[in-house]
Amino acid sequence: MIERYGSGVARAIGKFKDYELQEPELIEMAGGLEVTCSAEKTTQKTTQKTTQKILDLIKQNPRITRKELAIETGITPDGIKYNLQNMIKDGIIERIGPDKGGYWNIRK
């Protein structure tokens, strides 16, 4: 128990990193510590990881469905739809053919 004494701040910061959150701002004050934190994820890093996961799955199976992408990535179907729309808009991927029977093409 005593080995963990005084390690709370380091453990808390570690949890922020685990969940890809911005590290809290620590300010020493008389009699304590002021902690300012944000619950927002570092969106650029998270978006890049998500995009790469989706691209890897499309490379493995160009006919993969949105539902299958959601299952494989652990992202909600709405989240997959949002990411795919952004990837199409950015010219990264395109849909060839209809929703049923079509496939994904990686452009970049």
PDB file of N, CA and C in Angstrom:
ATOM      1  N   MET A   1       0.827  -1.194   0.000  1.00  0.00           N
ATOM      2  CA  MET A   1       0.000   0.000   0.000  1.00  0.00           C
ATOM      3  C   MET A   1       0.871   1.258   0.000  1.00  0.00           C
ATOM      4  N   ILE A   2       1.917   1.254   0.816  1.00  0.00           N
ATOM      5  CA  ILE A   2       2.756   2.448   0.935  1.00  0.00           C
ATOM      6  C   ILE A   2       3.517   2.724  -0.355  1.00  0.00           C
ATOM      7  N   GLU A   3       3.763   1.698  -1.175  1.00  0.00           N
ATOM      8  CA  GLU A   3       4.454   1.904  -2.447  1.00  0.00           C
ATOM      9  C   GLU A   3       3.640   2.771  -3.398  1.00  0.00           C
ATOM     10  N   ARG A   4       2.332   2.760  -3.236  1.00  0.00           N
ATOM     11  CA  ARG A   4       1.466   3.552  -4.102  1.00  0.00           C
ATOM     12  C   ARG A   4       1.239   4.958  -3.557  1.00  0.00           C
ATOM     13  N   TYR A   5       1.679   5.208  -2.328  1.00  0.00           N
ATOM     14  CA  TYR A   5       1.485   6.515  -1.704  1.00  0.00           C
ATOM     15  C   TYR A   5       2.213   7.593  -2.509  1.00  0.00           C
ATOM     16  N   GLY A   6       1.508   8.634  -2.854  1.00  0.00           N
ATOM     17  CA  GLY A   6       2.120   9.741  -3.580  1.00  0.00           C
ATOM     18  C   GLY A   6       2.206   9.530  -5.081  1.00  0.00           C
ATOM     19  N   SER A   7       1.686   8.432  -5.579  1.00  0.00           N
ATOM     20  CA  SER A   7       1.780   8.172  -7.020  1.00  0.00           C
ATOM     21  C   SER A   7       0.453   8.431  -7.738  1.00  0.00           C
ATOM     22  N   GLY A   8      -0.489   9.015  -7.044  1.00  0.00           N
ATOM     23  CA  GLY A   8      -1.820   9.241  -7.624  1.00  0.00           C
ATOM     24  C   GLY A   8      -1.809  10.133  -8.847  1.00  0.00           C
ATOM     25  N   VAL A   9      -1.011  11.195  -8.797  1.00  0.00           N
ATOM     26  CA  VAL A   9      -0.954  12.120  -9.934  1.00  0.00           C
ATOM     27  C   VAL A   9      -0.391  11.405 -11.160  1.00  0.00           C
ATOM     28  N   ALA A  10       0.677  10.672 -10.975  1.00  0.00           N
ATOM     29  CA  ALA A  10       1.290   9.949 -12.104  1.00  0.00           C
ATOM     30  C   ALA A  10       0.329   8.904 -12.659  1.00  0.00           C
ATOM     31  N   ARG A  11      -0.391   8.221 -11.786  1.00  0.00           N
ATOM     32  CA  ARG A  11      -1.356   7.218 -12.253  1.00  0.00           C
ATOM     33  C   ARG A  11      -2.513   7.876 -12.995  1.00  0.00           C
ATOM     34  N   ALA A  12      -2.968   9.027 -12.493  1.00  0.00           N
ATOM     35  CA  ALA A  12      -4.060   9.741 -13.158  1.00  0.00           C
ATOM     36  C   ALA A  12      -3.632  10.206 -14.541  1.00  0.00           C
ATOM     37  N   ILE A  13      -2.428  10.754 -14.651  1.00  0.00           N
ATOM     38  CA  ILE A  13      -1.917  11.194 -15.953  1.00  0.00           C
ATOM     39  C   ILE A  13      -1.796  10.000 -16.893  1.00  0.00           C
ATOM     40  N   GLY A  14      -1.380   8.863 -16.367  1.00  0.00           N
ATOM     41  CA  GLY A  14      -1.299   7.645 -17.175  1.00  0.00           C
ATOM     42  C   GLY A  14      -2.653   7.252 -17.746  1.00  0.00           C
ATOM     43  N   LYS A  15      -3.707   7.432 -16.962  1.00  0.00           N
ATOM     44  CA  LYS A  15      -5.057   7.112 -17.440  1.00  0.00           C
ATOM     45  C   LYS A  15      -5.483   8.062 -18.555  1.00  0.00           C
ATOM     46  N   PHE A  16      -5.103   9.331 -18.440  1.00  0.00           N
ATOM     47  CA  PHE A  16      -5.400  10.272 -19.517  1.00  0.00           C
ATOM     48  C   PHE A  16      -4.759   9.779 -20.814  1.00  0.00           C
ATOM     49  N   LYS A  17      -3.511   9.326 -20.716  1.00  0.00           N
ATOM     50  CA  LYS A  17      -2.811   8.818 -21.897  1.00  0.00           C
ATOM     51  C   LYS A  17      -3.481   7.553 -22.428  1.00  0.00           C
ATOM     52  N   ASP A  18      -3.896   6.660 -21.517  1.00  0.00           N
ATOM     53  CA  ASP A  18      -4.558   5.420 -21.921  1.00  0.00           C
ATOM     54  C   ASP A  18      -5.793   5.699 -22.776  1.00  0.00           C
ATOM     55  N   TYR A  19      -6.524   6.742 -22.424  1.00  0.00           N
ATOM     56  CA  TYR A  19      -7.767   7.064 -23.133  1.00  0.00           C
ATOM     57  C   TYR A  19      -7.567   8.145 -24.198  1.00  0.00           C
ATOM     58  N   GLU A  20      -6.303   8.415 -24.526  1.00  0.00           N
ATOM     59  CA  GLU A  20      -5.938   9.384 -25.560  1.00  0.00           C
ATOM     60  C   GLU A  20      -6.543  10.757 -25.306  1.00  0.00           C
ATOM     61  N   LEU A  21      -6.577  11.152 -24.029  1.00  0.00           N
ATOM     62  CA  LEU A  21      -7.054  12.470 -23.642  1.00  0.00           C
ATOM     63  C   LEU A  21      -5.867  13.399 -23.473  1.00  0.00           C
ATOM     64  N   GLN A  22      -6.116  14.690 -23.599  1.00  0.00           N
ATOM     65  CA  GLN A  22      -5.053  15.660 -23.376  1.00  0.00           C
ATOM     66  C   GLN A  22      -4.631  15.585 -21.914  1.00  0.00           C
ATOM     67  N   GLU A  23      -3.322  15.681 -21.682  1.00  0.00           N
ATOM     68  CA  GLU A  23      -2.828  15.631 -20.308  1.00  0.00           C
ATOM     69  C   GLU A  23      -3.333  16.837 -19.532  1.00  0.00           C
ATOM     70  N   PRO A  24      -3.632  16.656 -18.239  1.00  0.00           N
ATOM     71  CA  PRO A  24      -4.100  17.790 -17.442  1.00  0.00           C
ATOM     72  C   PRO A  24      -2.983  18.800 -17.206  1.00  0.00           C
ATOM     73  N   GLU A  25      -3.376  20.043 -16.991  1.00  0.00           N
ATOM     74  CA  GLU A  25      -2.424  21.095 -16.656  1.00  0.00           C
ATOM     75  C   GLU A  25      -2.304  21.138 -15.137  1.00  0.00           C
ATOM     76  N   LEU A  26      -1.093  21.043 -14.634  1.00  0.00           N
ATOM     77  CA  LEU A  26      -0.846  21.028 -13.196  1.00  0.00           C
ATOM     78  C   LEU A  26      -0.188  22.330 -12.770  1.00  0.00           C
ATOM     79  N   ILE A  27      -0.749  22.983 -11.743  1.00  0.00           N
ATOM     80  CA  ILE A  27      -0.188  24.227 -11.224  1.00  0.00           C
ATOM     81  C   ILE A  27      -0.039  24.078  -9.716  1.00  0.00           C
ATOM     82  N   GLU A  28       1.211  24.213  -9.259  1.00  0.00           N
ATOM     83  CA  GLU A  28       1.457  24.130  -7.819  1.00  0.00           C
ATOM     84  C   GLU A  28       0.950  25.396  -7.151  1.00  0.00           C
ATOM     85  N   MET A  29       0.221  25.212  -6.061  1.00  0.00           N
ATOM     86  CA  MET A  29      -0.307  26.334  -5.294  1.00  0.00           C
ATOM     87  C   MET A  29       0.034  26.114  -3.831  1.00  0.00           C
ATOM     88  N   ALA A  30      -0.049  27.159  -3.064  1.00  0.00           N
ATOM     89  CA  ALA A  30       0.194  27.034  -1.627  1.00  0.00           C
ATOM     90  C   ALA A  30      -0.785  26.017  -1.051  1.00  0.00           C
ATOM     91  N   GLY A  31      -0.260  24.996  -0.470  1.00  0.00           N
ATOM     92  CA  GLY A  31      -1.095  23.987   0.170  1.00  0.00           C
ATOM     93  C   GLY A  31      -1.701  22.961  -0.776  1.00  0.00           C
ATOM     94  N   GLY A  32      -1.274  22.923  -2.030  1.00  0.00           N
ATOM     95  CA  GLY A  32      -1.850  21.911  -2.902  1.00  0.00           C
ATOM     96  C   GLY A  32      -1.487  22.064  -4.364  1.00  0.00           C
ATOM     97  N   LEU A  33      -2.328  21.483  -5.157  1.00  0.00           N
ATOM     98  CA  LEU A  33      -2.096  21.410  -6.587  1.00  0.00           C
ATOM     99  C   LEU A  33      -3.415  21.705  -7.298  1.00  0.00           C
ATOM    100  N   GLU A  34      -3.374  22.598  -8.273  1.00  0.00           N
ATOM    101  CA  GLU A  34      -4.567  22.868  -9.078  1.00  0.00           C
ATOM    102  C   GLU A  34      -4.444  22.063 -10.365  1.00  0.00           C
ATOM    103  N   VAL A  35      -5.494  21.335 -10.694  1.00  0.00           N
ATOM    104  CA  VAL A  35      -5.494  20.483 -11.874  1.00  0.00           C
ATOM    105  C   VAL A  35      -6.600  20.954 -12.813  1.00  0.00           C
ATOM    106  N   THR A  36      -6.217  21.268 -14.051  1.00  0.00           N
ATOM    107  CA  THR A  36      -7.188  21.647 -15.067  1.00  0.00           C
ATOM    108  C   THR A  36      -7.111  20.598 -16.159  1.00  0.00           C
ATOM    109  N   CYS A  37      -8.260  20.001 -16.468  1.00  0.00           N
ATOM    110  CA  CYS A  37      -8.232  18.962 -17.495  1.00  0.00           C
ATOM    111  C   CYS A  37      -9.395  19.127 -18.453  1.00  0.00           C
ATOM    112  N   SER A  38      -9.206  18.558 -19.612  1.00  0.00           N
ATOM    113  CA  SER A  38     -10.206  18.583 -20.663  1.00  0.00           C
ATOM    114  C   SER A  38     -10.579  17.153 -20.984  1.00  0.00           C
ATOM    115  N   ALA A  39     -11.854  16.896 -21.158  1.00  0.00           N
ATOM    116  CA  ALA A  39     -12.311  15.543 -21.479  1.00  0.00           C
ATOM    117  C   ALA A  39     -12.307  15.279 -22.975  1.00  0.00           C
ATOM    118  N   GLU A  40     -11.879  16.256 -23.775  1.00  0.00           N
ATOM    119  CA  GLU A  40     -11.855  16.071 -25.222  1.00  0.00           C
ATOM    120  C   GLU A  40     -10.667  15.223 -25.625  1.00  0.00           C
ATOM    121  N   LYS A  41     -10.899  14.292 -26.523  1.00  0.00           N
ATOM    122  CA  LYS A  41      -9.807  13.482 -27.052  1.00  0.00           C
ATOM    123  C   LYS A  41      -8.987  14.317 -28.023  1.00  0.00           C
ATOM    124  N   THR A  42      -7.764  13.899 -28.196  1.00  0.00           N
ATOM    125  CA  THR A  42      -6.946  14.558 -29.210  1.00  0.00           C
ATOM    126  C   THR A  42      -7.460  14.064 -30.551  1.00  0.00           C
ATOM    127  N   THR A  43      -8.361  14.823 -31.128  1.00  0.00           N
ATOM    128  CA  THR A  43      -9.142  14.356 -32.269  1.00  0.00           C
ATOM    129  C   THR A  43      -8.315  14.043 -33.504  1.00  0.00           C
ATOM    130  N   GLN A  44      -7.289  14.806 -33.777  1.00  0.00           N
ATOM    131  CA  GLN A  44      -6.514  14.541 -34.994  1.00  0.00           C
ATOM    132  C   GLN A  44      -5.869  13.161 -34.925  1.00  0.00           C
ATOM    133  N   LYS A  45      -5.265  12.840 -33.788  1.00  0.00           N
ATOM    134  CA  LYS A  45      -4.602  11.550 -33.618  1.00  0.00           C
ATOM    135  C   LYS A  45      -5.629  10.409 -33.705  1.00  0.00           C
ATOM    136  N   THR A  46      -6.766  10.596 -33.042  1.00  0.00           N
ATOM    137  CA  THR A  46      -7.808   9.578 -33.049  1.00  0.00           C
ATOM    138  C   THR A  46      -8.378   9.390 -34.448  1.00  0.00           C
ATOM    139  N   THR A  47      -8.609  10.501 -35.160  1.00  0.00           N
ATOM    140  CA  THR A  47      -9.137  10.427 -36.521  1.00  0.00           C
ATOM    141  C   THR A  47      -8.172   9.691 -37.439  1.00  0.00           C
ATOM    142  N   GLN A  48      -6.890   9.958 -37.309  1.00  0.00           N
ATOM    143  CA  GLN A  48      -5.892   9.277 -38.138  1.00  0.00           C
ATOM    144  C   GLN A  48      -5.897   7.779 -37.877  1.00  0.00           C
ATOM    145  N   LYS A  49      -5.987   7.389 -36.617  1.00  0.00           N
ATOM    146  CA  LYS A  49      -6.018   5.963 -36.279  1.00  0.00           C
ATOM    147  C   LYS A  49      -7.267   5.298 -36.859  1.00  0.00           C
ATOM    148  N   THR A  50      -8.413   5.975 -36.724  1.00  0.00           N
ATOM    149  CA  THR A  50      -9.671   5.438 -37.234  1.00  0.00           C
ATOM    150  C   THR A  50      -9.615   5.294 -38.749  1.00  0.00           C
ATOM    151  N   THR A  51      -9.137   6.332 -39.425  1.00  0.00           N
ATOM    152  CA  THR A  51      -9.018   6.293 -40.882  1.00  0.00           C
ATOM    153  C   THR A  51      -8.123   5.132 -41.310  1.00  0.00           C
ATOM    154  N   GLN A  52      -7.008   4.957 -40.627  1.00  0.00           N
ATOM    155  CA  GLN A  52      -6.085   3.882 -40.991  1.00  0.00           C
ATOM    156  C   GLN A  52      -6.711   2.513 -40.764  1.00  0.00           C
ATOM    157  N   LYS A  53      -7.454   2.345 -39.659  1.00  0.00           N
ATOM    158  CA  LYS A  53      -8.132   1.069 -39.396  1.00  0.00           C
ATOM    159  C   LYS A  53      -9.111   0.746 -40.525  1.00  0.00           C
ATOM    160  N   ILE A  54      -9.902   1.752 -40.910  1.00  0.00           N
ATOM    161  CA  ILE A  54     -10.895   1.551 -41.977  1.00  0.00           C
ATOM    162  C   ILE A  54     -10.199   1.216 -43.293  1.00  0.00           C
ATOM    163  N   LEU A  55      -9.141   1.934 -43.632  1.00  0.00           N
ATOM    164  CA  LEU A  55      -8.398   1.662 -44.866  1.00  0.00           C
ATOM    165  C   LEU A  55      -7.818   0.252 -44.873  1.00  0.00           C
ATOM    166  N   ASP A  56      -7.261  -0.170 -43.753  1.00  0.00           N
ATOM    167  CA  ASP A  56      -6.701  -1.529 -43.662  1.00  0.00           C
ATOM    168  C   ASP A  56      -7.778  -2.584 -43.909  1.00  0.00           C
ATOM    169  N   LEU A  57      -8.957  -2.365 -43.338  1.00  0.00           N
ATOM    170  CA  LEU A  57     -10.048  -3.322 -43.526  1.00  0.00           C
ATOM    171  C   LEU A  57     -10.551  -3.322 -44.972  1.00  0.00           C
ATOM    172  N   ILE A  58     -10.602  -2.151 -45.593  1.00  0.00           N
ATOM    173  CA  ILE A  58     -11.022  -2.066 -46.998  1.00  0.00           C
ATOM    174  C   ILE A  58      -9.996  -2.752 -47.901  1.00  0.00           C
ATOM    175  N   LYS A  59      -8.697  -2.588 -47.581  1.00  0.00           N
ATOM    176  CA  LYS A  59      -7.654  -3.265 -48.373  1.00  0.00           C
ATOM    177  C   LYS A  59      -7.831  -4.779 -48.303  1.00  0.00           C
ATOM    178  N   GLN A  60      -8.161  -5.286 -47.121  1.00  0.00           N
ATOM    179  CA  GLN A  60      -8.349  -6.724 -46.945  1.00  0.00           C
ATOM    180  C   GLN A  60      -9.597  -7.226 -47.671  1.00  0.00           C
ATOM    181  N   ASN A  61     -10.651  -6.382 -47.679  1.00  0.00           N
ATOM    182  CA  ASN A  61     -11.914  -6.793 -48.282  1.00  0.00           C
ATOM    183  C   ASN A  61     -12.638  -5.563 -48.843  1.00  0.00           C
ATOM    184  N   PRO A  62     -12.434  -5.242 -50.123  1.00  0.00           N
ATOM    185  CA  PRO A  62     -13.070  -4.061 -50.719  1.00  0.00           C
ATOM    186  C   PRO A  62     -14.603  -4.098 -50.686  1.00  0.00           C
ATOM    187  N   ARG A  63     -15.181  -5.258 -50.510  1.00  0.00           N
ATOM    188  CA  ARG A  63     -16.646  -5.383 -50.465  1.00  0.00           C
ATOM    189  C   ARG A  63     -17.194  -5.344 -49.038  1.00  0.00           C
ATOM    190  N   ILE A  64     -16.362  -4.971 -48.087  1.00  0.00           N
ATOM    191  CA  ILE A  64     -16.786  -4.924 -46.683  1.00  0.00           C
ATOM    192  C   ILE A  64     -17.938  -3.927 -46.513  1.00  0.00           C
ATOM    193  N   THR A  65     -18.893  -4.280 -45.676  1.00  0.00           N
ATOM    194  CA  THR A  65     -20.059  -3.424 -45.451  1.00  0.00           C
ATOM    195  C   THR A  65     -19.807  -2.479 -44.283  1.00  0.00           C
ATOM    196  N   ARG A  66     -20.641  -1.470 -44.195  1.00  0.00           N
ATOM    197  CA  ARG A  66     -20.540  -0.537 -43.058  1.00  0.00           C
ATOM    198  C   ARG A  66     -20.735  -1.276 -41.744  1.00  0.00           C
ATOM    199  N   LYS A  67     -21.678  -2.200 -41.740  1.00  0.00           N
ATOM    200  CA  LYS A  67     -21.953  -2.971 -40.524  1.00  0.00           C
ATOM    201  C   LYS A  67     -20.719  -3.778 -40.115  1.00  0.00           C
ATOM    202  N   GLU A  68     -20.071  -4.406 -41.084  1.00  0.00           N
ATOM    203  CA  GLU A  68     -18.860  -5.183 -40.796  1.00  0.00           C
ATOM    204  C   GLU A  68     -17.726  -4.269 -40.318  1.00  0.00           C
ATOM    205  N   LEU A  69     -17.614  -3.076 -40.921  1.00  0.00           N
ATOM    206  CA  LEU A  69     -16.598  -2.116 -40.465  1.00  0.00           C
ATOM    207  C   LEU A  69     -16.849  -1.716 -39.011  1.00  0.00           C
ATOM    208  N   ALA A  70     -18.122  -1.499 -38.681  1.00  0.00           N
ATOM    209  CA  ALA A  70     -18.478  -1.126 -37.309  1.00  0.00           C
ATOM    210  C   ALA A  70     -18.079  -2.227 -36.323  1.00  0.00           C
ATOM    211  N   ILE A  71     -18.359  -3.451 -36.683  1.00  0.00           N
ATOM    212  CA  ILE A  71     -18.029  -4.586 -35.805  1.00  0.00           C
ATOM    213  C   ILE A  71     -16.520  -4.715 -35.644  1.00  0.00           C
ATOM    214  N   GLU A  72     -15.791  -4.649 -36.745  1.00  0.00           N
ATOM    215  CA  GLU A  72     -14.336  -4.839 -36.725  1.00  0.00           C
ATOM    216  C   GLU A  72     -13.597  -3.718 -35.990  1.00  0.00           C
ATOM    217  N   THR A  73     -14.120  -2.493 -36.086  1.00  0.00           N
ATOM    218  CA  THR A  73     -13.423  -1.348 -35.473  1.00  0.00           C
ATOM    219  C   THR A  73     -13.935  -1.022 -34.078  1.00  0.00           C
ATOM    220  N   GLY A  74     -15.132  -1.480 -33.749  1.00  0.00           N
ATOM    221  CA  GLY A  74     -15.722  -1.130 -32.461  1.00  0.00           C
ATOM    222  C   GLY A  74     -16.328   0.268 -32.461  1.00  0.00           C
ATOM    223  N   ILE A  75     -16.525   0.823 -33.645  1.00  0.00           N
ATOM    224  CA  ILE A  75     -17.121   2.146 -33.798  1.00  0.00           C
ATOM    225  C   ILE A  75     -18.591   1.954 -34.155  1.00  0.00           C
ATOM    226  N   THR A  76     -19.439   2.866 -33.713  1.00  0.00           N
ATOM    227  CA  THR A  76     -20.863   2.743 -34.015  1.00  0.00           C
ATOM    228  C   THR A  76     -21.096   2.845 -35.523  1.00  0.00           C
ATOM    229  N   PRO A  77     -22.205   2.276 -36.009  1.00  0.00           N
ATOM    230  CA  PRO A  77     -22.519   2.407 -37.435  1.00  0.00           C
ATOM    231  C   PRO A  77     -22.585   3.873 -37.892  1.00  0.00           C
ATOM    232  N   ASP A  78     -23.131   4.741 -37.052  1.00  0.00           N
ATOM    233  CA  ASP A  78     -23.163   6.168 -37.399  1.00  0.00           C
ATOM    234  C   ASP A  78     -21.757   6.746 -37.474  1.00  0.00           C
ATOM    235  N   GLY A  79     -20.877   6.304 -36.589  1.00  0.00           N
ATOM    236  CA  GLY A  79     -19.485   6.755 -36.617  1.00  0.00           C
ATOM    237  C   GLY A  79     -18.781   6.303 -37.886  1.00  0.00           C
ATOM    238  N   ILE A  80     -19.056   5.078 -38.306  1.00  0.00           N
ATOM    239  CA  ILE A  80     -18.480   4.565 -39.561  1.00  0.00           C
ATOM    240  C   ILE A  80     -18.996   5.376 -40.745  1.00  0.00           C
ATOM    241  N   LYS A  81     -20.300   5.634 -40.774  1.00  0.00           N
ATOM    242  CA  LYS A  81     -20.885   6.420 -41.861  1.00  0.00           C
ATOM    243  C   LYS A  81     -20.233   7.798 -41.923  1.00  0.00           C
ATOM    244  N   TYR A  82     -20.067   8.439 -40.789  1.00  0.00           N
ATOM    245  CA  TYR A  82     -19.433   9.760 -40.707  1.00  0.00           C
ATOM    246  C   TYR A  82     -18.005   9.714 -41.250  1.00  0.00           C
ATOM    247  N   ASN A  83     -17.233   8.731 -40.809  1.00  0.00           N
ATOM    248  CA  ASN A  83     -15.839   8.601 -41.253  1.00  0.00           C
ATOM    249  C   ASN A  83     -15.752   8.309 -42.744  1.00  0.00           C
ATOM    250  N   LEU A  84     -16.596   7.423 -43.251  1.00  0.00           N
ATOM    251  CA  LEU A  84     -16.589   7.105 -44.678  1.00  0.00           C
ATOM    252  C   LEU A  84     -16.943   8.336 -45.516  1.00  0.00           C
ATOM    253  N   GLN A  85     -17.945   9.092 -45.071  1.00  0.00           N
ATOM    254  CA  GLN A  85     -18.325  10.303 -45.803  1.00  0.00           C
ATOM    255  C   GLN A  85     -17.160  11.291 -45.862  1.00  0.00           C
ATOM    256  N   ASN A  86     -16.458  11.459 -44.746  1.00  0.00           N
ATOM    257  CA  ASN A  86     -15.294  12.355 -44.730  1.00  0.00           C
ATOM    258  C   ASN A  86     -14.173  11.845 -45.631  1.00  0.00           C
ATOM    259  N   MET A  87     -13.970  10.538 -45.652  1.00  0.00           N
ATOM    260  CA  MET A  87     -12.930   9.958 -46.488  1.00  0.00           C
ATOM    261  C   MET A  87     -13.274  10.112 -47.972  1.00  0.00           C
ATOM    262  N   ILE A  88     -14.552   9.987 -48.299  1.00  0.00           N
ATOM    263  CA  ILE A  88     -14.999  10.196 -49.684  1.00  0.00           C
ATOM    264  C   ILE A  88     -14.800  11.669 -50.052  1.00  0.00           C
ATOM    265  N   LYS A  89     -15.229  12.565 -49.164  1.00  0.00           N
ATOM    266  CA  LYS A  89     -15.111  14.004 -49.411  1.00  0.00           C
ATOM    267  C   LYS A  89     -13.648  14.415 -49.593  1.00  0.00           C
ATOM    268  N   ASP A  90     -12.742  13.789 -48.830  1.00  0.00           N
ATOM    269  CA  ASP A  90     -11.311  14.105 -48.911  1.00  0.00           C
ATOM    270  C   ASP A  90     -10.621  13.397 -50.085  1.00  0.00           C
ATOM    271  N   GLY A  91     -11.370  12.577 -50.822  1.00  0.00           N
ATOM    272  CA  GLY A  91     -10.812  11.903 -51.985  1.00  0.00           C
ATOM    273  C   GLY A  91      -9.940  10.703 -51.647  1.00  0.00           C
ATOM    274  N   ILE A  92     -10.078  10.170 -50.448  1.00  0.00           N
ATOM    275  CA  ILE A  92      -9.262   9.032 -50.023  1.00  0.00           C
ATOM    276  C   ILE A  92      -9.835   7.732 -50.580  1.00  0.00           C
ATOM    277  N   ILE A  93     -11.160   7.621 -50.552  1.00  0.00           N
ATOM    278  CA  ILE A  93     -11.838   6.422 -51.058  1.00  0.00           C
ATOM    279  C   ILE A  93     -13.006   6.845 -51.938  1.00  0.00           C
ATOM    280  N   GLU A  94     -13.526   5.874 -52.674  1.00  0.00           N
ATOM    281  CA  GLU A  94     -14.742   6.097 -53.456  1.00  0.00           C
ATOM    282  C   GLU A  94     -15.554   4.815 -53.446  1.00  0.00           C
ATOM    283  N   ARG A  95     -16.835   4.960 -53.633  1.00  0.00           N
ATOM    284  CA  ARG A  95     -17.718   3.803 -53.710  1.00  0.00           C
ATOM    285  C   ARG A  95     -17.985   3.521 -55.172  1.00  0.00           C
ATOM    286  N   ILE A  96     -17.748   2.299 -55.597  1.00  0.00           N
ATOM    287  CA  ILE A  96     -18.003   1.856 -56.961  1.00  0.00           C
ATOM    288  C   ILE A  96     -19.228   0.943 -56.907  1.00  0.00           C
ATOM    289  N   GLY A  97     -20.251   1.319 -57.649  1.00  0.00           N
ATOM    290  CA  GLY A  97     -21.458   0.507 -57.680  1.00  0.00           C
ATOM    291  C   GLY A  97     -22.424   0.861 -56.570  1.00  0.00           C
ATOM    292  N   PRO A  98     -23.514   0.099 -56.499  1.00  0.00           N
ATOM    293  CA  PRO A  98     -24.561   0.380 -55.509  1.00  0.00           C
ATOM    294  C   PRO A  98     -24.148  -0.025 -54.097  1.00  0.00           C
ATOM    295  N   ASP A  99     -24.970   0.391 -53.119  1.00  0.00           N
ATOM    296  CA  ASP A  99     -24.697   0.005 -51.732  1.00  0.00           C
ATOM    297  C   ASP A  99     -24.623  -1.520 -51.592  1.00  0.00           C
ATOM    298  N   LYS A 100     -25.562  -2.195 -52.231  1.00  0.00           N
ATOM    299  CA  LYS A 100     -25.538  -3.669 -52.221  1.00  0.00           C
ATOM    300  C   LYS A 100     -24.867  -4.121 -53.505  1.00  0.00           C
ATOM    301  N   GLY A 101     -23.795  -4.853 -53.379  1.00  0.00           N
ATOM    302  CA  GLY A 101     -23.098  -5.383 -54.542  1.00  0.00           C
ATOM    303  C   GLY A 101     -21.936  -4.526 -55.012  1.00  0.00           C
ATOM    304  N   GLY A 102     -21.782  -3.342 -54.445  1.00  0.00           N
ATOM    305  CA  GLY A 102     -20.673  -2.475 -54.822  1.00  0.00           C
ATOM    306  C   GLY A 102     -19.432  -2.770 -53.994  1.00  0.00           C
ATOM    307  N   TYR A 103     -18.419  -1.943 -54.171  1.00  0.00           N
ATOM    308  CA  TYR A 103     -17.188  -2.130 -53.403  1.00  0.00           C
ATOM    309  C   TYR A 103     -16.495  -0.786 -53.204  1.00  0.00           C
ATOM    310  N   TRP A 104     -15.530  -0.771 -52.311  1.00  0.00           N
ATOM    311  CA  TRP A 104     -14.751   0.416 -51.992  1.00  0.00           C
ATOM    312  C   TRP A 104     -13.470   0.416 -52.793  1.00  0.00           C
ATOM    313  N   ASN A 105     -13.074   1.583 -53.279  1.00  0.00           N
ATOM    314  CA  ASN A 105     -11.823   1.751 -53.990  1.00  0.00           C
ATOM    315  C   ASN A 105     -11.000   2.803 -53.257  1.00  0.00           C
ATOM    316  N   ILE A 106      -9.759   2.458 -52.927  1.00  0.00           N
ATOM    317  CA  ILE A 106      -8.859   3.401 -52.258  1.00  0.00           C
ATOM    318  C   ILE A 106      -8.177   4.227 -53.334  1.00  0.00           C
ATOM    319  N   ARG A 107      -8.340   5.541 -53.264  1.00  0.00           N
ATOM    320  CA  ARG A 107      -7.823   6.438 -54.285  1.00  0.00           C
ATOM    321  C   ARG A 107      -6.431   6.955 -53.956  1.00  0.00           C
ATOM    322  N   LYS A 108      -6.125   7.168 -52.697  1.00  0.00           N
ATOM    323  CA  LYS A 108      -4.828   7.722 -52.294  1.00  0.00           C
ATOM    324  C   LYS A 108      -4.026   6.680 -51.562  1.00  0.00           C
TER     325      LYS A 108
END
